[in-house]
Amino acid sequence: SCTHVWNYEVATPFLFGELAKTMRDV
């Protein structure tokens, strides 16, 4: 879940916010 690569991905927080929050937890 490479942080600097996933910095470019913004679909998940807008469509599946709870899943995005699990990535922040990691």
mmCIF file of all heavy atoms, coordinates in Angstrom:
data_MODEL
# 
_entry.id   MODEL 
# 
loop_
_atom_site.group_PDB 
_atom_site.id 
_atom_site.type_symbol 
_atom_site.label_atom_id 
_atom_site.label_alt_id 
_atom_site.label_comp_id 
_atom_site.label_asym_id 
_atom_site.label_entity_id 
_atom_site.label_seq_id 
_atom_site.pdbx_PDB_ins_code 
_atom_site.Cartn_x 
_atom_site.Cartn_y 
_atom_site.Cartn_z 
_atom_site.occupancy 
_atom_site.B_iso_or_equiv 
_atom_site.pdbx_formal_charge 
_atom_site.auth_seq_id 
_atom_site.auth_comp_id 
_atom_site.auth_asym_id 
_atom_site.auth_atom_id 
_atom_site.pdbx_PDB_model_num 
ATOM 1   N N   . SER A 1 1  ? 0.849   -1.203 0.000  1.00 0.00 ? 1  SER A N   1 
ATOM 2   C CA  . SER A 1 1  ? 0.000   0.000  0.000  1.00 0.00 ? 1  SER A CA  1 
ATOM 3   C C   . SER A 1 1  ? 0.878   1.244  0.000  1.00 0.00 ? 1  SER A C   1 
ATOM 4   O O   . SER A 1 1  ? 0.731   2.143  0.834  1.00 0.00 ? 1  SER A O   1 
ATOM 5   C CB  . SER A 1 1  ? -0.931  0.010  1.222  1.00 0.00 ? 1  SER A CB  1 
ATOM 6   O OG  . SER A 1 1  ? -1.768  -1.115 1.230  1.00 0.00 ? 1  SER A OG  1 
ATOM 7   N N   . CYS A 1 2  ? 1.796   1.286  -0.923 1.00 0.00 ? 2  CYS A N   1 
ATOM 8   C CA  . CYS A 1 2  ? 2.857   2.305  -0.976 1.00 0.00 ? 2  CYS A CA  1 
ATOM 9   C C   . CYS A 1 2  ? 2.282   3.716  -0.865 1.00 0.00 ? 2  CYS A C   1 
ATOM 10  O O   . CYS A 1 2  ? 1.479   4.139  -1.689 1.00 0.00 ? 2  CYS A O   1 
ATOM 11  C CB  . CYS A 1 2  ? 3.634   2.140  -2.272 1.00 0.00 ? 2  CYS A CB  1 
ATOM 12  S SG  . CYS A 1 2  ? 4.992   3.282  -2.454 1.00 0.00 ? 2  CYS A SG  1 
ATOM 13  N N   . THR A 1 3  ? 2.721   4.436  0.163  1.00 0.00 ? 3  THR A N   1 
ATOM 14  C CA  . THR A 1 3  ? 2.094   5.726  0.469  1.00 0.00 ? 3  THR A CA  1 
ATOM 15  C C   . THR A 1 3  ? 2.236   6.734  -0.657 1.00 0.00 ? 3  THR A C   1 
ATOM 16  O O   . THR A 1 3  ? 1.285   7.439  -0.995 1.00 0.00 ? 3  THR A O   1 
ATOM 17  C CB  . THR A 1 3  ? 2.685   6.323  1.760  1.00 0.00 ? 3  THR A CB  1 
ATOM 18  O OG1 . THR A 1 3  ? 4.108   6.449  1.632  1.00 0.00 ? 3  THR A OG1 1 
ATOM 19  C CG2 . THR A 1 3  ? 2.355   5.462  2.959  1.00 0.00 ? 3  THR A CG2 1 
ATOM 20  N N   . HIS A 1 4  ? 3.435   6.830  -1.251 1.00 0.00 ? 4  HIS A N   1 
ATOM 21  C CA  . HIS A 1 4  ? 3.588   7.876  -2.262 1.00 0.00 ? 4  HIS A CA  1 
ATOM 22  C C   . HIS A 1 4  ? 2.909   7.504  -3.572 1.00 0.00 ? 4  HIS A C   1 
ATOM 23  O O   . HIS A 1 4  ? 2.584   8.395  -4.373 1.00 0.00 ? 4  HIS A O   1 
ATOM 24  C CB  . HIS A 1 4  ? 5.053   8.271  -2.469 1.00 0.00 ? 4  HIS A CB  1 
ATOM 25  C CG  . HIS A 1 4  ? 6.013   7.163  -2.749 1.00 0.00 ? 4  HIS A CG  1 
ATOM 26  N ND1 . HIS A 1 4  ? 5.902   6.328  -3.820 1.00 0.00 ? 4  HIS A ND1 1 
ATOM 27  C CD2 . HIS A 1 4  ? 7.139   6.777  -2.084 1.00 0.00 ? 4  HIS A CD2 1 
ATOM 28  C CE1 . HIS A 1 4  ? 6.914   5.482  -3.823 1.00 0.00 ? 4  HIS A CE1 1 
ATOM 29  N NE2 . HIS A 1 4  ? 7.678   5.726  -2.779 1.00 0.00 ? 4  HIS A NE2 1 
ATOM 30  N N   . VAL A 1 5  ? 2.647   6.220  -3.807 1.00 0.00 ? 5  VAL A N   1 
ATOM 31  C CA  . VAL A 1 5  ? 1.877   5.813  -4.982 1.00 0.00 ? 5  VAL A CA  1 
ATOM 32  C C   . VAL A 1 5  ? 0.386   6.034  -4.727 1.00 0.00 ? 5  VAL A C   1 
ATOM 33  O O   . VAL A 1 5  ? -0.329  6.613  -5.558 1.00 0.00 ? 5  VAL A O   1 
ATOM 34  C CB  . VAL A 1 5  ? 2.162   4.344  -5.335 1.00 0.00 ? 5  VAL A CB  1 
ATOM 35  C CG1 . VAL A 1 5  ? 1.185   3.834  -6.397 1.00 0.00 ? 5  VAL A CG1 1 
ATOM 36  C CG2 . VAL A 1 5  ? 3.595   4.196  -5.827 1.00 0.00 ? 5  VAL A CG2 1 
ATOM 37  N N   . TRP A 1 6  ? -0.088  5.622  -3.574 1.00 0.00 ? 6  TRP A N   1 
ATOM 38  C CA  . TRP A 1 6  ? -1.510  5.766  -3.256 1.00 0.00 ? 6  TRP A CA  1 
ATOM 39  C C   . TRP A 1 6  ? -1.899  7.212  -2.958 1.00 0.00 ? 6  TRP A C   1 
ATOM 40  O O   . TRP A 1 6  ? -3.077  7.531  -2.838 1.00 0.00 ? 6  TRP A O   1 
ATOM 41  C CB  . TRP A 1 6  ? -1.901  4.809  -2.126 1.00 0.00 ? 6  TRP A CB  1 
ATOM 42  C CG  . TRP A 1 6  ? -2.111  3.427  -2.663 1.00 0.00 ? 6  TRP A CG  1 
ATOM 43  C CD1 . TRP A 1 6  ? -1.161  2.486  -2.925 1.00 0.00 ? 6  TRP A CD1 1 
ATOM 44  C CD2 . TRP A 1 6  ? -3.352  2.848  -3.058 1.00 0.00 ? 6  TRP A CD2 1 
ATOM 45  N NE1 . TRP A 1 6  ? -1.722  1.357  -3.458 1.00 0.00 ? 6  TRP A NE1 1 
ATOM 46  C CE2 . TRP A 1 6  ? -3.085  1.545  -3.553 1.00 0.00 ? 6  TRP A CE2 1 
ATOM 47  C CE3 . TRP A 1 6  ? -4.670  3.288  -3.057 1.00 0.00 ? 6  TRP A CE3 1 
ATOM 48  C CZ2 . TRP A 1 6  ? -4.071  0.700  -4.039 1.00 0.00 ? 6  TRP A CZ2 1 
ATOM 49  C CZ3 . TRP A 1 6  ? -5.661  2.442  -3.534 1.00 0.00 ? 6  TRP A CZ3 1 
ATOM 50  C CH2 . TRP A 1 6  ? -5.365  1.168  -4.012 1.00 0.00 ? 6  TRP A CH2 1 
ATOM 51  N N   . ASN A 1 7  ? -0.909  8.112  -2.864 1.00 0.00 ? 7  ASN A N   1 
ATOM 52  C CA  . ASN A 1 7  ? -1.213  9.546  -2.786 1.00 0.00 ? 7  ASN A CA  1 
ATOM 53  C C   . ASN A 1 7  ? -1.987  10.021 -4.006 1.00 0.00 ? 7  ASN A C   1 
ATOM 54  O O   . ASN A 1 7  ? -2.716  11.011 -3.949 1.00 0.00 ? 7  ASN A O   1 
ATOM 55  C CB  . ASN A 1 7  ? 0.089   10.366 -2.733 1.00 0.00 ? 7  ASN A CB  1 
ATOM 56  C CG  . ASN A 1 7  ? 0.600   10.571 -1.326 1.00 0.00 ? 7  ASN A CG  1 
ATOM 57  O OD1 . ASN A 1 7  ? -0.043  10.219 -0.359 1.00 0.00 ? 7  ASN A OD1 1 
ATOM 58  N ND2 . ASN A 1 7  ? 1.778   11.150 -1.217 1.00 0.00 ? 7  ASN A ND2 1 
ATOM 59  N N   . TYR A 1 8  ? -1.816  9.330  -5.133 1.00 0.00 ? 8  TYR A N   1 
ATOM 60  C CA  . TYR A 1 8  ? -2.418  9.766  -6.386 1.00 0.00 ? 8  TYR A CA  1 
ATOM 61  C C   . TYR A 1 8  ? -3.847  9.256  -6.552 1.00 0.00 ? 8  TYR A C   1 
ATOM 62  O O   . TYR A 1 8  ? -4.513  9.609  -7.518 1.00 0.00 ? 8  TYR A O   1 
ATOM 63  C CB  . TYR A 1 8  ? -1.564  9.283  -7.568 1.00 0.00 ? 8  TYR A CB  1 
ATOM 64  C CG  . TYR A 1 8  ? -0.197  9.921  -7.636 1.00 0.00 ? 8  TYR A CG  1 
ATOM 65  C CD1 . TYR A 1 8  ? 0.835   9.491  -6.818 1.00 0.00 ? 8  TYR A CD1 1 
ATOM 66  C CD2 . TYR A 1 8  ? 0.067   10.969 -8.520 1.00 0.00 ? 8  TYR A CD2 1 
ATOM 67  C CE1 . TYR A 1 8  ? 2.086   10.075 -6.864 1.00 0.00 ? 8  TYR A CE1 1 
ATOM 68  C CE2 . TYR A 1 8  ? 1.321   11.563 -8.580 1.00 0.00 ? 8  TYR A CE2 1 
ATOM 69  C CZ  . TYR A 1 8  ? 2.327   11.103 -7.745 1.00 0.00 ? 8  TYR A CZ  1 
ATOM 70  O OH  . TYR A 1 8  ? 3.573   11.691 -7.799 1.00 0.00 ? 8  TYR A OH  1 
ATOM 71  N N   . GLU A 1 9  ? -4.307  8.412  -5.653 1.00 0.00 ? 9  GLU A N   1 
ATOM 72  C CA  . GLU A 1 9  ? -5.614  7.760  -5.791 1.00 0.00 ? 9  GLU A CA  1 
ATOM 73  C C   . GLU A 1 9  ? -6.629  8.488  -4.914 1.00 0.00 ? 9  GLU A C   1 
ATOM 74  O O   . GLU A 1 9  ? -6.458  8.589  -3.704 1.00 0.00 ? 9  GLU A O   1 
ATOM 75  C CB  . GLU A 1 9  ? -5.489  6.292  -5.366 1.00 0.00 ? 9  GLU A CB  1 
ATOM 76  C CG  . GLU A 1 9  ? -6.711  5.468  -5.684 1.00 0.00 ? 9  GLU A CG  1 
ATOM 77  C CD  . GLU A 1 9  ? -7.785  5.535  -4.615 1.00 0.00 ? 9  GLU A CD  1 
ATOM 78  O OE1 . GLU A 1 9  ? -7.439  5.659  -3.420 1.00 0.00 ? 9  GLU A OE1 1 
ATOM 79  O OE2 . GLU A 1 9  ? -8.970  5.447  -4.974 1.00 0.00 ? 9  GLU A OE2 1 
ATOM 80  N N   . VAL A 1 10 ? -7.680  9.006  -5.526 1.00 0.00 ? 10 VAL A N   1 
ATOM 81  C CA  . VAL A 1 10 ? -8.664  9.777  -4.753 1.00 0.00 ? 10 VAL A CA  1 
ATOM 82  C C   . VAL A 1 10 ? -10.097 9.271  -4.929 1.00 0.00 ? 10 VAL A C   1 
ATOM 83  O O   . VAL A 1 10 ? -11.035 9.896  -4.446 1.00 0.00 ? 10 VAL A O   1 
ATOM 84  C CB  . VAL A 1 10 ? -8.601  11.279 -5.110 1.00 0.00 ? 10 VAL A CB  1 
ATOM 85  C CG1 . VAL A 1 10 ? -7.290  11.885 -4.673 1.00 0.00 ? 10 VAL A CG1 1 
ATOM 86  C CG2 . VAL A 1 10 ? -8.822  11.512 -6.596 1.00 0.00 ? 10 VAL A CG2 1 
ATOM 87  N N   . ALA A 1 11 ? -10.277 8.135  -5.603 1.00 0.00 ? 11 ALA A N   1 
ATOM 88  C CA  . ALA A 1 11 ? -11.634 7.609  -5.792 1.00 0.00 ? 11 ALA A CA  1 
ATOM 89  C C   . ALA A 1 11 ? -12.175 6.995  -4.502 1.00 0.00 ? 11 ALA A C   1 
ATOM 90  O O   . ALA A 1 11 ? -13.328 7.224  -4.128 1.00 0.00 ? 11 ALA A O   1 
ATOM 91  C CB  . ALA A 1 11 ? -11.646 6.574  -6.916 1.00 0.00 ? 11 ALA A CB  1 
ATOM 92  N N   . THR A 1 12 ? -11.334 6.206  -3.825 1.00 0.00 ? 12 THR A N   1 
ATOM 93  C CA  . THR A 1 12 ? -11.807 5.465  -2.654 1.00 0.00 ? 12 THR A CA  1 
ATOM 94  C C   . THR A 1 12 ? -12.415 6.373  -1.578 1.00 0.00 ? 12 THR A C   1 
ATOM 95  O O   . THR A 1 12 ? -13.510 6.087  -1.083 1.00 0.00 ? 12 THR A O   1 
ATOM 96  C CB  . THR A 1 12 ? -10.667 4.623  -2.049 1.00 0.00 ? 12 THR A CB  1 
ATOM 97  O OG1 . THR A 1 12 ? -10.094 3.816  -3.083 1.00 0.00 ? 12 THR A OG1 1 
ATOM 98  C CG2 . THR A 1 12 ? -11.187 3.719  -0.939 1.00 0.00 ? 12 THR A CG2 1 
ATOM 99  N N   . PRO A 1 13 ? -11.774 7.467  -1.181 1.00 0.00 ? 13 PRO A N   1 
ATOM 100 C CA  . PRO A 1 13 ? -12.367 8.290  -0.121 1.00 0.00 ? 13 PRO A CA  1 
ATOM 101 C C   . PRO A 1 13 ? -13.703 8.912  -0.493 1.00 0.00 ? 13 PRO A C   1 
ATOM 102 O O   . PRO A 1 13 ? -14.552 9.118  0.383  1.00 0.00 ? 13 PRO A O   1 
ATOM 103 C CB  . PRO A 1 13 ? -11.299 9.377  0.126  1.00 0.00 ? 13 PRO A CB  1 
ATOM 104 C CG  . PRO A 1 13 ? -10.480 9.411  -1.117 1.00 0.00 ? 13 PRO A CG  1 
ATOM 105 C CD  . PRO A 1 13 ? -10.454 7.991  -1.586 1.00 0.00 ? 13 PRO A CD  1 
ATOM 106 N N   . PHE A 1 14 ? -13.899 9.196  -1.779 1.00 0.00 ? 14 PHE A N   1 
ATOM 107 C CA  . PHE A 1 14 ? -15.161 9.812  -2.185 1.00 0.00 ? 14 PHE A CA  1 
ATOM 108 C C   . PHE A 1 14 ? -16.273 8.792  -2.381 1.00 0.00 ? 14 PHE A C   1 
ATOM 109 O O   . PHE A 1 14 ? -17.451 9.105  -2.182 1.00 0.00 ? 14 PHE A O   1 
ATOM 110 C CB  . PHE A 1 14 ? -14.957 10.618 -3.472 1.00 0.00 ? 14 PHE A CB  1 
ATOM 111 C CG  . PHE A 1 14 ? -14.324 11.956 -3.229 1.00 0.00 ? 14 PHE A CG  1 
ATOM 112 C CD1 . PHE A 1 14 ? -12.943 12.096 -3.279 1.00 0.00 ? 14 PHE A CD1 1 
ATOM 113 C CD2 . PHE A 1 14 ? -15.088 13.068 -2.930 1.00 0.00 ? 14 PHE A CD2 1 
ATOM 114 C CE1 . PHE A 1 14 ? -12.342 13.321 -3.044 1.00 0.00 ? 14 PHE A CE1 1 
ATOM 115 C CE2 . PHE A 1 14 ? -14.497 14.304 -2.690 1.00 0.00 ? 14 PHE A CE2 1 
ATOM 116 C CZ  . PHE A 1 14 ? -13.123 14.435 -2.738 1.00 0.00 ? 14 PHE A CZ  1 
ATOM 117 N N   . LEU A 1 15 ? -15.930 7.571  -2.768 1.00 0.00 ? 15 LEU A N   1 
ATOM 118 C CA  . LEU A 1 15 ? -16.947 6.557  -3.041 1.00 0.00 ? 15 LEU A CA  1 
ATOM 119 C C   . LEU A 1 15 ? -17.104 5.551  -1.899 1.00 0.00 ? 15 LEU A C   1 
ATOM 120 O O   . LEU A 1 15 ? -18.200 5.065  -1.643 1.00 0.00 ? 15 LEU A O   1 
ATOM 121 C CB  . LEU A 1 15 ? -16.611 5.808  -4.337 1.00 0.00 ? 15 LEU A CB  1 
ATOM 122 C CG  . LEU A 1 15 ? -16.617 6.657  -5.615 1.00 0.00 ? 15 LEU A CG  1 
ATOM 123 C CD1 . LEU A 1 15 ? -16.224 5.808  -6.805 1.00 0.00 ? 15 LEU A CD1 1 
ATOM 124 C CD2 . LEU A 1 15 ? -17.983 7.290  -5.839 1.00 0.00 ? 15 LEU A CD2 1 
ATOM 125 N N   . PHE A 1 16 ? -16.009 5.225  -1.237 1.00 0.00 ? 16 PHE A N   1 
ATOM 126 C CA  . PHE A 1 16 ? -16.033 4.220  -0.174 1.00 0.00 ? 16 PHE A CA  1 
ATOM 127 C C   . PHE A 1 16 ? -15.215 4.747  1.012  1.00 0.00 ? 16 PHE A C   1 
ATOM 128 O O   . PHE A 1 16 ? -14.131 4.257  1.324  1.00 0.00 ? 16 PHE A O   1 
ATOM 129 C CB  . PHE A 1 16 ? -15.458 2.893  -0.681 1.00 0.00 ? 16 PHE A CB  1 
ATOM 130 C CG  . PHE A 1 16 ? -16.142 2.368  -1.917 1.00 0.00 ? 16 PHE A CG  1 
ATOM 131 C CD1 . PHE A 1 16 ? -15.542 2.468  -3.161 1.00 0.00 ? 16 PHE A CD1 1 
ATOM 132 C CD2 . PHE A 1 16 ? -17.411 1.795  -1.841 1.00 0.00 ? 16 PHE A CD2 1 
ATOM 133 C CE1 . PHE A 1 16 ? -16.170 2.004  -4.306 1.00 0.00 ? 16 PHE A CE1 1 
ATOM 134 C CE2 . PHE A 1 16 ? -18.047 1.326  -2.985 1.00 0.00 ? 16 PHE A CE2 1 
ATOM 135 C CZ  . PHE A 1 16 ? -17.430 1.425  -4.214 1.00 0.00 ? 16 PHE A CZ  1 
ATOM 136 N N   . GLY A 1 17 ? -15.753 5.778  1.643  1.00 0.00 ? 17 GLY A N   1 
ATOM 137 C CA  . GLY A 1 17 ? -15.031 6.499  2.684  1.00 0.00 ? 17 GLY A CA  1 
ATOM 138 C C   . GLY A 1 17 ? -14.563 5.634  3.841  1.00 0.00 ? 17 GLY A C   1 
ATOM 139 O O   . GLY A 1 17 ? -13.459 5.830  4.371  1.00 0.00 ? 17 GLY A O   1 
ATOM 140 N N   . GLU A 1 18 ? -15.377 4.672  4.247  1.00 0.00 ? 18 GLU A N   1 
ATOM 141 C CA  . GLU A 1 18 ? -14.987 3.832  5.381  1.00 0.00 ? 18 GLU A CA  1 
ATOM 142 C C   . GLU A 1 18 ? -13.776 2.962  5.029  1.00 0.00 ? 18 GLU A C   1 
ATOM 143 O O   . GLU A 1 18 ? -12.934 2.685  5.879  1.00 0.00 ? 18 GLU A O   1 
ATOM 144 C CB  . GLU A 1 18 ? -16.166 2.951  5.816  1.00 0.00 ? 18 GLU A CB  1 
ATOM 145 C CG  . GLU A 1 18 ? -17.310 3.743  6.447  1.00 0.00 ? 18 GLU A CG  1 
ATOM 146 C CD  . GLU A 1 18 ? -16.854 4.573  7.634  1.00 0.00 ? 18 GLU A CD  1 
ATOM 147 O OE1 . GLU A 1 18 ? -16.204 4.015  8.542  1.00 0.00 ? 18 GLU A OE1 1 
ATOM 148 O OE2 . GLU A 1 18 ? -17.157 5.785  7.661  1.00 0.00 ? 18 GLU A OE2 1 
ATOM 149 N N   . LEU A 1 19 ? -13.679 2.543  3.775  1.00 0.00 ? 19 LEU A N   1 
ATOM 150 C CA  . LEU A 1 19 ? -12.509 1.776  3.356  1.00 0.00 ? 19 LEU A CA  1 
ATOM 151 C C   . LEU A 1 19 ? -11.263 2.656  3.354  1.00 0.00 ? 19 LEU A C   1 
ATOM 152 O O   . LEU A 1 19 ? -10.178 2.221  3.756  1.00 0.00 ? 19 LEU A O   1 
ATOM 153 C CB  . LEU A 1 19 ? -12.725 1.187  1.960  1.00 0.00 ? 19 LEU A CB  1 
ATOM 154 C CG  . LEU A 1 19 ? -13.737 0.052  1.840  1.00 0.00 ? 19 LEU A CG  1 
ATOM 155 C CD1 . LEU A 1 19 ? -13.814 -0.442 0.399  1.00 0.00 ? 19 LEU A CD1 1 
ATOM 156 C CD2 . LEU A 1 19 ? -13.376 -1.109 2.761  1.00 0.00 ? 19 LEU A CD2 1 
ATOM 157 N N   . ALA A 1 20 ? -11.411 3.891  2.904  1.00 0.00 ? 20 ALA A N   1 
ATOM 158 C CA  . ALA A 1 20 ? -10.265 4.809  2.899  1.00 0.00 ? 20 ALA A CA  1 
ATOM 159 C C   . ALA A 1 20 ? -9.746  5.016  4.318  1.00 0.00 ? 20 ALA A C   1 
ATOM 160 O O   . ALA A 1 20 ? -8.528  5.076  4.549  1.00 0.00 ? 20 ALA A O   1 
ATOM 161 C CB  . ALA A 1 20 ? -10.668 6.147  2.275  1.00 0.00 ? 20 ALA A CB  1 
ATOM 162 N N   . LYS A 1 21 ? -10.653 5.103  5.270  1.00 0.00 ? 21 LYS A N   1 
ATOM 163 C CA  . LYS A 1 21 ? -10.236 5.308  6.671  1.00 0.00 ? 21 LYS A CA  1 
ATOM 164 C C   . LYS A 1 21 ? -9.439  4.117  7.201  1.00 0.00 ? 21 LYS A C   1 
ATOM 165 O O   . LYS A 1 21 ? -8.555  4.277  8.040  1.00 0.00 ? 21 LYS A O   1 
ATOM 166 C CB  . LYS A 1 21 ? -11.469 5.588  7.538  1.00 0.00 ? 21 LYS A CB  1 
ATOM 167 C CG  . LYS A 1 21 ? -12.012 6.994  7.325  1.00 0.00 ? 21 LYS A CG  1 
ATOM 168 C CD  . LYS A 1 21 ? -13.453 7.133  7.755  1.00 0.00 ? 21 LYS A CD  1 
ATOM 169 C CE  . LYS A 1 21 ? -13.639 7.098  9.247  1.00 0.00 ? 21 LYS A CE  1 
ATOM 170 N NZ  . LYS A 1 21 ? -15.055 7.339  9.616  1.00 0.00 ? 21 LYS A NZ  1 
ATOM 171 N N   . THR A 1 22 ? -9.723  2.907  6.685  1.00 0.00 ? 22 THR A N   1 
ATOM 172 C CA  . THR A 1 22 ? -8.922  1.756  7.121  1.00 0.00 ? 22 THR A CA  1 
ATOM 173 C C   . THR A 1 22 ? -7.495  1.859  6.599  1.00 0.00 ? 22 THR A C   1 
ATOM 174 O O   . THR A 1 22 ? -6.560  1.386  7.239  1.00 0.00 ? 22 THR A O   1 
ATOM 175 C CB  . THR A 1 22 ? -9.536  0.411  6.663  1.00 0.00 ? 22 THR A CB  1 
ATOM 176 O OG1 . THR A 1 22 ? -9.401  0.263  5.243  1.00 0.00 ? 22 THR A OG1 1 
ATOM 177 C CG2 . THR A 1 22 ? -10.993 0.291  7.073  1.00 0.00 ? 22 THR A CG2 1 
ATOM 178 N N   . MET A 1 23 ? -7.321  2.490  5.434  1.00 0.00 ? 23 MET A N   1 
ATOM 179 C CA  . MET A 1 23 ? -5.968  2.697  4.904  1.00 0.00 ? 23 MET A CA  1 
ATOM 180 C C   . MET A 1 23 ? -5.204  3.697  5.772  1.00 0.00 ? 23 MET A C   1 
ATOM 181 O O   . MET A 1 23 ? -4.006  3.546  6.016  1.00 0.00 ? 23 MET A O   1 
ATOM 182 C CB  . MET A 1 23 ? -6.031  3.173  3.448  1.00 0.00 ? 23 MET A CB  1 
ATOM 183 C CG  . MET A 1 23 ? -6.683  2.187  2.506  1.00 0.00 ? 23 MET A CG  1 
ATOM 184 S SD  . MET A 1 23 ? -6.458  2.593  0.745  1.00 0.00 ? 23 MET A SD  1 
ATOM 185 C CE  . MET A 1 23 ? -4.806  1.939  0.457  1.00 0.00 ? 23 MET A CE  1 
ATOM 186 N N   . ARG A 1 24 ? -5.892  4.724  6.249  1.00 0.00 ? 24 ARG A N   1 
ATOM 187 C CA  . ARG A 1 24 ? -5.248  5.677  7.158  1.00 0.00 ? 24 ARG A CA  1 
ATOM 188 C C   . ARG A 1 24 ? -4.867  4.985  8.470  1.00 0.00 ? 24 ARG A C   1 
ATOM 189 O O   . ARG A 1 24 ? -3.823  5.282  9.057  1.00 0.00 ? 24 ARG A O   1 
ATOM 190 C CB  . ARG A 1 24 ? -6.198  6.841  7.461  1.00 0.00 ? 24 ARG A CB  1 
ATOM 191 C CG  . ARG A 1 24 ? -6.766  7.610  6.276  1.00 0.00 ? 24 ARG A CG  1 
ATOM 192 C CD  . ARG A 1 24 ? -5.736  8.368  5.479  1.00 0.00 ? 24 ARG A CD  1 
ATOM 193 N NE  . ARG A 1 24 ? -5.054  7.523  4.521  1.00 0.00 ? 24 ARG A NE  1 
ATOM 194 C CZ  . ARG A 1 24 ? -5.555  7.145  3.351  1.00 0.00 ? 24 ARG A CZ  1 
ATOM 195 N NH1 . ARG A 1 24 ? -6.782  7.493  3.002  1.00 0.00 ? 24 ARG A NH1 1 
ATOM 196 N NH2 . ARG A 1 24 ? -4.843  6.402  2.517  1.00 0.00 ? 24 ARG A NH2 1 
ATOM 197 N N   . ASP A 1 25 ? -5.689  4.051  8.899  1.00 0.00 ? 25 ASP A N   1 
ATOM 198 C CA  . ASP A 1 25 ? -5.387  3.314  10.130 1.00 0.00 ? 25 ASP A CA  1 
ATOM 199 C C   . ASP A 1 25 ? -4.101  2.512  9.974  1.00 0.00 ? 25 ASP A C   1 
ATOM 200 O O   . ASP A 1 25 ? -3.250  2.489  10.866 1.00 0.00 ? 25 ASP A O   1 
ATOM 201 C CB  . ASP A 1 25 ? -6.555  2.385  10.471 1.00 0.00 ? 25 ASP A CB  1 
ATOM 202 C CG  . ASP A 1 25 ? -6.432  1.762  11.858 1.00 0.00 ? 25 ASP A CG  1 
ATOM 203 O OD1 . ASP A 1 25 ? -6.018  2.463  12.803 1.00 0.00 ? 25 ASP A OD1 1 
ATOM 204 O OD2 . ASP A 1 25 ? -6.737  0.562  11.993 1.00 0.00 ? 25 ASP A OD2 1 
ATOM 205 N N   . VAL A 1 26 ? -3.938  1.883  8.804  1.00 0.00 ? 26 VAL A N   1 
ATOM 206 C CA  . VAL A 1 26 ? -2.704  1.131  8.535  1.00 0.00 ? 26 VAL A CA  1 
ATOM 207 C C   . VAL A 1 26 ? -1.505  2.067  8.568  1.00 0.00 ? 26 VAL A C   1 
ATOM 208 O O   . VAL A 1 26 ? -0.492  1.792  9.221  1.00 0.00 ? 26 VAL A O   1 
ATOM 209 C CB  . VAL A 1 26 ? -2.783  0.414  7.166  1.00 0.00 ? 26 VAL A CB  1 
ATOM 210 C CG1 . VAL A 1 26 ? -1.422  -0.153 6.784  1.00 0.00 ? 26 VAL A CG1 1 
ATOM 211 C CG2 . VAL A 1 26 ? -3.826  -0.710 7.226  1.00 0.00 ? 26 VAL A CG2 1 
# 
